[in-house]
Amino acid sequence: MENQTHNTMGASPCEAELQELMEQIDIMVSNKKMDWERKMRALETRLDLRDQELANAQTCLDQKGQEVGLLRQKLDSLEKCNLAMTQNYEGQLQTLKAQVRELFTV
């Protein structure tokens, strides 16, 4: 009986110490959880900013692509115009050469 009383009395301080340790563990886990949640929010914010930067870059790239398309159309148009003017010039030059030949052969 004495052993049982001694064990009960001895268990009580152990139980109190165990309870205190459990509370400390709960506090540590809670602190780690709050730290992890804070880090997750910071990462989510950074990710949101990166997503916005990427969206802005994509919009800019799309606009530049449209500008390149318009510039290519203008270049094609100018090249066609230049070719037509060159052909016209060469035709006029041939006509002038023919007229000059006629003048010297007469």
N, C-alpha and C. Protein backbone atom coordinates (compact mmCIF):
# COMPACT_ATOMS: atom_id res chain seq x y z
N MET A 1 0.80 -1.17 0.00
CA MET A 1 0.00 0.00 0.00
C MET A 1 0.85 1.25 0.00
N GLU A 2 1.91 1.18 0.76
CA GLU A 2 2.80 2.30 0.82
C GLU A 2 3.37 2.60 -0.56
N ASN A 3 3.67 1.54 -1.29
CA ASN A 3 4.20 1.71 -2.65
C ASN A 3 3.17 2.40 -3.54
N GLN A 4 1.93 2.03 -3.39
CA GLN A 4 0.88 2.64 -4.20
C GLN A 4 0.71 4.11 -3.85
N THR A 5 0.74 4.43 -2.58
CA THR A 5 0.63 5.81 -2.16
C THR A 5 1.85 6.59 -2.64
N HIS A 6 2.99 5.98 -2.52
CA HIS A 6 4.22 6.64 -2.97
C HIS A 6 4.19 6.86 -4.49
N ASN A 7 3.70 5.86 -5.23
CA ASN A 7 3.60 6.00 -6.69
C ASN A 7 2.60 7.08 -7.08
N THR A 8 1.50 7.15 -6.39
CA THR A 8 0.49 8.16 -6.67
C THR A 8 1.03 9.54 -6.38
N MET A 9 1.73 9.64 -5.27
CA MET A 9 2.29 10.94 -4.92
C MET A 9 3.42 11.29 -5.88
N GLY A 10 4.21 10.30 -6.26
CA GLY A 10 5.31 10.54 -7.18
C GLY A 10 4.80 10.83 -8.58
N ALA A 11 3.67 10.27 -8.95
CA ALA A 11 3.11 10.48 -10.28
C ALA A 11 2.57 11.88 -10.42
N SER A 12 2.09 12.43 -9.38
CA SER A 12 1.50 13.75 -9.44
C SER A 12 2.49 14.81 -9.90
N PRO A 13 3.69 14.89 -9.34
CA PRO A 13 4.65 15.88 -9.86
C PRO A 13 5.04 15.56 -11.31
N CYS A 14 5.12 14.30 -11.67
CA CYS A 14 5.44 13.93 -13.05
C CYS A 14 4.32 14.36 -14.00
N GLU A 15 3.11 14.15 -13.54
CA GLU A 15 1.98 14.56 -14.37
C GLU A 15 1.97 16.07 -14.57
N ALA A 16 2.28 16.79 -13.54
CA ALA A 16 2.33 18.26 -13.65
C ALA A 16 3.43 18.68 -14.60
N GLU A 17 4.58 18.02 -14.50
CA GLU A 17 5.71 18.33 -15.39
C GLU A 17 5.35 17.97 -16.83
N LEU A 18 4.70 16.81 -16.98
CA LEU A 18 4.27 16.39 -18.31
C LEU A 18 3.27 17.37 -18.90
N GLN A 19 2.35 17.83 -18.09
CA GLN A 19 1.35 18.81 -18.53
C GLN A 19 2.04 20.10 -18.96
N GLU A 20 3.02 20.53 -18.18
CA GLU A 20 3.76 21.75 -18.52
C GLU A 20 4.52 21.58 -19.84
N LEU A 21 5.12 20.43 -20.01
CA LEU A 21 5.84 20.15 -21.26
C LEU A 21 4.88 20.13 -22.45
N MET A 22 3.72 19.55 -22.26
CA MET A 22 2.72 19.52 -23.33
C MET A 22 2.28 20.93 -23.71
N GLU A 23 2.11 21.78 -22.70
CA GLU A 23 1.72 23.16 -22.97
C GLU A 23 2.83 23.90 -23.72
N GLN A 24 4.08 23.65 -23.32
CA GLN A 24 5.21 24.26 -24.02
C GLN A 24 5.29 23.78 -25.47
N ILE A 25 5.04 22.49 -25.66
CA ILE A 25 5.04 21.94 -27.03
C ILE A 25 3.92 22.58 -27.85
N ASP A 26 2.75 22.73 -27.25
CA ASP A 26 1.62 23.37 -27.95
C ASP A 26 1.98 24.79 -28.35
N ILE A 27 2.64 25.52 -27.43
CA ILE A 27 3.04 26.90 -27.74
C ILE A 27 4.06 26.90 -28.88
N MET A 28 5.04 25.99 -28.81
CA MET A 28 6.06 25.93 -29.88
C MET A 28 5.41 25.59 -31.22
N VAL A 29 4.50 24.63 -31.21
CA VAL A 29 3.82 24.25 -32.46
C VAL A 29 3.00 25.42 -32.98
N SER A 30 2.31 26.11 -32.08
CA SER A 30 1.51 27.27 -32.48
C SER A 30 2.40 28.36 -33.07
N ASN A 31 3.54 28.62 -32.43
CA ASN A 31 4.47 29.62 -32.95
C ASN A 31 5.01 29.23 -34.33
N LYS A 32 5.35 27.96 -34.47
CA LYS A 32 5.85 27.49 -35.77
C LYS A 32 4.76 27.60 -36.84
N LYS A 33 3.53 27.29 -36.45
CA LYS A 33 2.42 27.39 -37.39
C LYS A 33 2.22 28.84 -37.82
N MET A 34 2.25 29.77 -36.87
CA MET A 34 2.09 31.18 -37.21
C MET A 34 3.25 31.65 -38.10
N ASP A 35 4.46 31.21 -37.79
CA ASP A 35 5.63 31.57 -38.60
C ASP A 35 5.47 31.02 -40.02
N TRP A 36 5.04 29.78 -40.13
CA TRP A 36 4.84 29.15 -41.43
C TRP A 36 3.75 29.89 -42.22
N GLU A 37 2.65 30.24 -41.56
CA GLU A 37 1.57 30.96 -42.23
C GLU A 37 2.04 32.34 -42.70
N ARG A 38 2.85 33.02 -41.87
CA ARG A 38 3.39 34.32 -42.26
C ARG A 38 4.30 34.17 -43.48
N LYS A 39 5.13 33.15 -43.47
CA LYS A 39 6.01 32.91 -44.62
C LYS A 39 5.20 32.56 -45.87
N MET A 40 4.15 31.79 -45.69
CA MET A 40 3.29 31.42 -46.83
C MET A 40 2.62 32.65 -47.42
N ARG A 41 2.13 33.56 -46.57
CA ARG A 41 1.51 34.79 -47.07
C ARG A 41 2.52 35.64 -47.82
N ALA A 42 3.75 35.70 -47.29
CA ALA A 42 4.80 36.47 -47.97
C ALA A 42 5.11 35.85 -49.33
N LEU A 43 5.20 34.53 -49.38
CA LEU A 43 5.46 33.85 -50.66
C LEU A 43 4.31 34.05 -51.64
N GLU A 44 3.08 33.99 -51.14
CA GLU A 44 1.92 34.21 -52.00
C GLU A 44 1.92 35.63 -52.56
N THR A 45 2.30 36.59 -51.71
CA THR A 45 2.38 37.97 -52.18
C THR A 45 3.44 38.11 -53.27
N ARG A 46 4.61 37.50 -53.04
CA ARG A 46 5.67 37.55 -54.05
C ARG A 46 5.22 36.87 -55.34
N LEU A 47 4.53 35.74 -55.20
CA LEU A 47 4.03 35.03 -56.37
C LEU A 47 3.01 35.86 -57.13
N ASP A 48 2.13 36.53 -56.41
CA ASP A 48 1.15 37.41 -57.06
C ASP A 48 1.85 38.54 -57.82
N LEU A 49 2.89 39.12 -57.21
CA LEU A 49 3.64 40.18 -57.89
C LEU A 49 4.32 39.64 -59.15
N ARG A 50 4.90 38.46 -59.05
CA ARG A 50 5.56 37.85 -60.22
C ARG A 50 4.54 37.55 -61.32
N ASP A 51 3.37 37.08 -60.91
CA ASP A 51 2.32 36.82 -61.89
C ASP A 51 1.91 38.10 -62.60
N GLN A 52 1.80 39.18 -61.84
CA GLN A 52 1.43 40.47 -62.43
C GLN A 52 2.52 40.96 -63.38
N GLU A 53 3.79 40.81 -62.96
CA GLU A 53 4.90 41.19 -63.84
C GLU A 53 4.88 40.38 -65.12
N LEU A 54 4.61 39.09 -64.99
CA LEU A 54 4.55 38.22 -66.16
C LEU A 54 3.40 38.63 -67.08
N ALA A 55 2.26 38.94 -66.51
CA ALA A 55 1.11 39.38 -67.31
C ALA A 55 1.43 40.69 -68.04
N ASN A 56 2.09 41.61 -67.33
CA ASN A 56 2.47 42.88 -67.96
C ASN A 56 3.47 42.65 -69.09
N ALA A 57 4.43 41.77 -68.86
CA ALA A 57 5.42 41.46 -69.89
C ALA A 57 4.76 40.80 -71.10
N GLN A 58 3.79 39.93 -70.85
CA GLN A 58 3.08 39.27 -71.94
C GLN A 58 2.28 40.28 -72.76
N THR A 59 1.63 41.22 -72.06
CA THR A 59 0.87 42.27 -72.75
C THR A 59 1.80 43.11 -73.62
N CYS A 60 2.94 43.47 -73.05
CA CYS A 60 3.93 44.26 -73.79
C CYS A 60 4.43 43.48 -75.00
N LEU A 61 4.71 42.20 -74.81
CA LEU A 61 5.17 41.35 -75.92
C LEU A 61 4.11 41.26 -77.01
N ASP A 62 2.86 41.12 -76.61
CA ASP A 62 1.77 41.07 -77.59
C ASP A 62 1.69 42.37 -78.39
N GLN A 63 1.83 43.50 -77.69
CA GLN A 63 1.79 44.80 -78.38
C GLN A 63 2.95 44.93 -79.36
N LYS A 64 4.14 44.51 -78.92
CA LYS A 64 5.30 44.58 -79.81
C LYS A 64 5.10 43.68 -81.02
N GLY A 65 4.49 42.53 -80.80
CA GLY A 65 4.21 41.62 -81.91
C GLY A 65 3.26 42.27 -82.92
N GLN A 66 2.26 42.98 -82.42
CA GLN A 66 1.34 43.68 -83.32
C GLN A 66 2.06 44.79 -84.08
N GLU A 67 2.94 45.50 -83.37
CA GLU A 67 3.71 46.56 -84.03
C GLU A 67 4.60 45.98 -85.13
N VAL A 68 5.24 44.86 -84.84
CA VAL A 68 6.10 44.20 -85.85
C VAL A 68 5.26 43.80 -87.06
N GLY A 69 4.07 43.29 -86.82
CA GLY A 69 3.19 42.92 -87.92
C GLY A 69 2.84 44.13 -88.79
N LEU A 70 2.50 45.24 -88.15
CA LEU A 70 2.17 46.45 -88.91
C LEU A 70 3.38 46.97 -89.68
N LEU A 71 4.55 46.93 -89.05
CA LEU A 71 5.77 47.40 -89.72
C LEU A 71 6.11 46.50 -90.91
N ARG A 72 5.87 45.21 -90.79
CA ARG A 72 6.12 44.29 -91.92
C ARG A 72 5.18 44.61 -93.08
N GLN A 73 3.92 44.92 -92.74
CA GLN A 73 2.97 45.28 -93.80
C GLN A 73 3.42 46.55 -94.49
N LYS A 74 3.86 47.54 -93.73
CA LYS A 74 4.34 48.79 -94.33
C LYS A 74 5.57 48.54 -95.19
N LEU A 75 6.48 47.69 -94.70
CA LEU A 75 7.68 47.37 -95.47
C LEU A 75 7.31 46.69 -96.78
N ASP A 76 6.41 45.73 -96.72
CA ASP A 76 5.97 45.06 -97.95
C ASP A 76 5.37 46.07 -98.92
N SER A 77 4.54 46.96 -98.40
CA SER A 77 3.92 47.98 -99.24
C SER A 77 4.96 48.89 -99.87
N LEU A 78 5.93 49.32 -99.07
CA LEU A 78 6.99 50.19 -99.61
C LEU A 78 7.85 49.46 -100.64
N GLU A 79 8.12 48.19 -100.39
CA GLU A 79 8.91 47.42 -101.37
C GLU A 79 8.15 47.29 -102.69
N LYS A 80 6.85 47.04 -102.61
CA LYS A 80 6.04 46.96 -103.83
C LYS A 80 6.04 48.29 -104.57
N CYS A 81 5.88 49.37 -103.79
CA CYS A 81 5.88 50.71 -104.38
C CYS A 81 7.23 51.00 -105.03
N ASN A 82 8.31 50.65 -104.33
CA ASN A 82 9.66 50.86 -104.85
C ASN A 82 9.87 50.06 -106.14
N LEU A 83 9.41 48.83 -106.18
CA LEU A 83 9.53 48.00 -107.37
C LEU A 83 8.76 48.60 -108.54
N ALA A 84 7.54 49.06 -108.24
CA ALA A 84 6.73 49.68 -109.30
C ALA A 84 7.40 50.95 -109.82
N MET A 85 7.95 51.76 -108.91
CA MET A 85 8.62 52.98 -109.35
C MET A 85 9.88 52.65 -110.16
N THR A 86 10.62 51.62 -109.75
CA THR A 86 11.82 51.23 -110.48
C THR A 86 11.46 50.73 -111.87
N GLN A 87 10.42 49.92 -111.94
CA GLN A 87 9.98 49.42 -113.25
C GLN A 87 9.52 50.58 -114.14
N ASN A 88 8.79 51.52 -113.55
CA ASN A 88 8.33 52.69 -114.29
C ASN A 88 9.53 53.50 -114.79
N TYR A 89 10.51 53.70 -113.91
CA TYR A 89 11.72 54.46 -114.27
C TYR A 89 12.46 53.74 -115.40
N GLU A 90 12.62 52.44 -115.27
CA GLU A 90 13.33 51.69 -116.31
C GLU A 90 12.58 51.74 -117.64
N GLY A 91 11.26 51.68 -117.56
CA GLY A 91 10.47 51.80 -118.79
C GLY A 91 10.66 53.16 -119.44
N GLN A 92 10.63 54.22 -118.65
CA GLN A 92 10.84 55.57 -119.18
C GLN A 92 12.25 55.71 -119.74
N LEU A 93 13.22 55.12 -119.06
CA LEU A 93 14.61 55.18 -119.52
C LEU A 93 14.75 54.46 -120.87
N GLN A 94 14.12 53.33 -121.01
CA GLN A 94 14.17 52.60 -122.28
C GLN A 94 13.53 53.42 -123.39
N THR A 95 12.41 54.06 -123.04
CA THR A 95 11.73 54.91 -124.03
C THR A 95 12.63 56.06 -124.46
N LEU A 96 13.29 56.69 -123.48
CA LEU A 96 14.21 57.80 -123.81
C LEU A 96 15.37 57.31 -124.66
N LYS A 97 15.91 56.17 -124.33
CA LYS A 97 17.02 55.61 -125.12
C LYS A 97 16.57 55.35 -126.56
N ALA A 98 15.38 54.83 -126.70
CA ALA A 98 14.87 54.56 -128.05
C ALA A 98 14.70 55.86 -128.82
N GLN A 99 14.19 56.89 -128.14
CA GLN A 99 14.02 58.19 -128.82
C GLN A 99 15.37 58.78 -129.19
N VAL A 100 16.35 58.64 -128.34
CA VAL A 100 17.68 59.17 -128.65
C VAL A 100 18.26 58.42 -129.84
N ARG A 101 18.09 57.13 -129.91
CA ARG A 101 18.59 56.35 -131.06
C ARG A 101 17.92 56.82 -132.35
N GLU A 102 16.61 57.05 -132.23
CA GLU A 102 15.90 57.50 -133.44
C GLU A 102 16.43 58.86 -133.91
N LEU A 103 16.73 59.73 -132.95
CA LEU A 103 17.24 61.05 -133.31
C LEU A 103 18.60 60.94 -134.01
N PHE A 104 19.44 60.04 -133.54
CA PHE A 104 20.76 59.92 -134.14
C PHE A 104 20.74 59.10 -135.42
N THR A 105 19.74 58.30 -135.65
CA THR A 105 19.69 57.53 -136.88
C THR A 105 18.99 58.30 -138.00
N VAL A 106 18.28 59.31 -137.69
CA VAL A 106 17.60 60.08 -138.72
C VAL A 106 18.51 61.00 -139.44
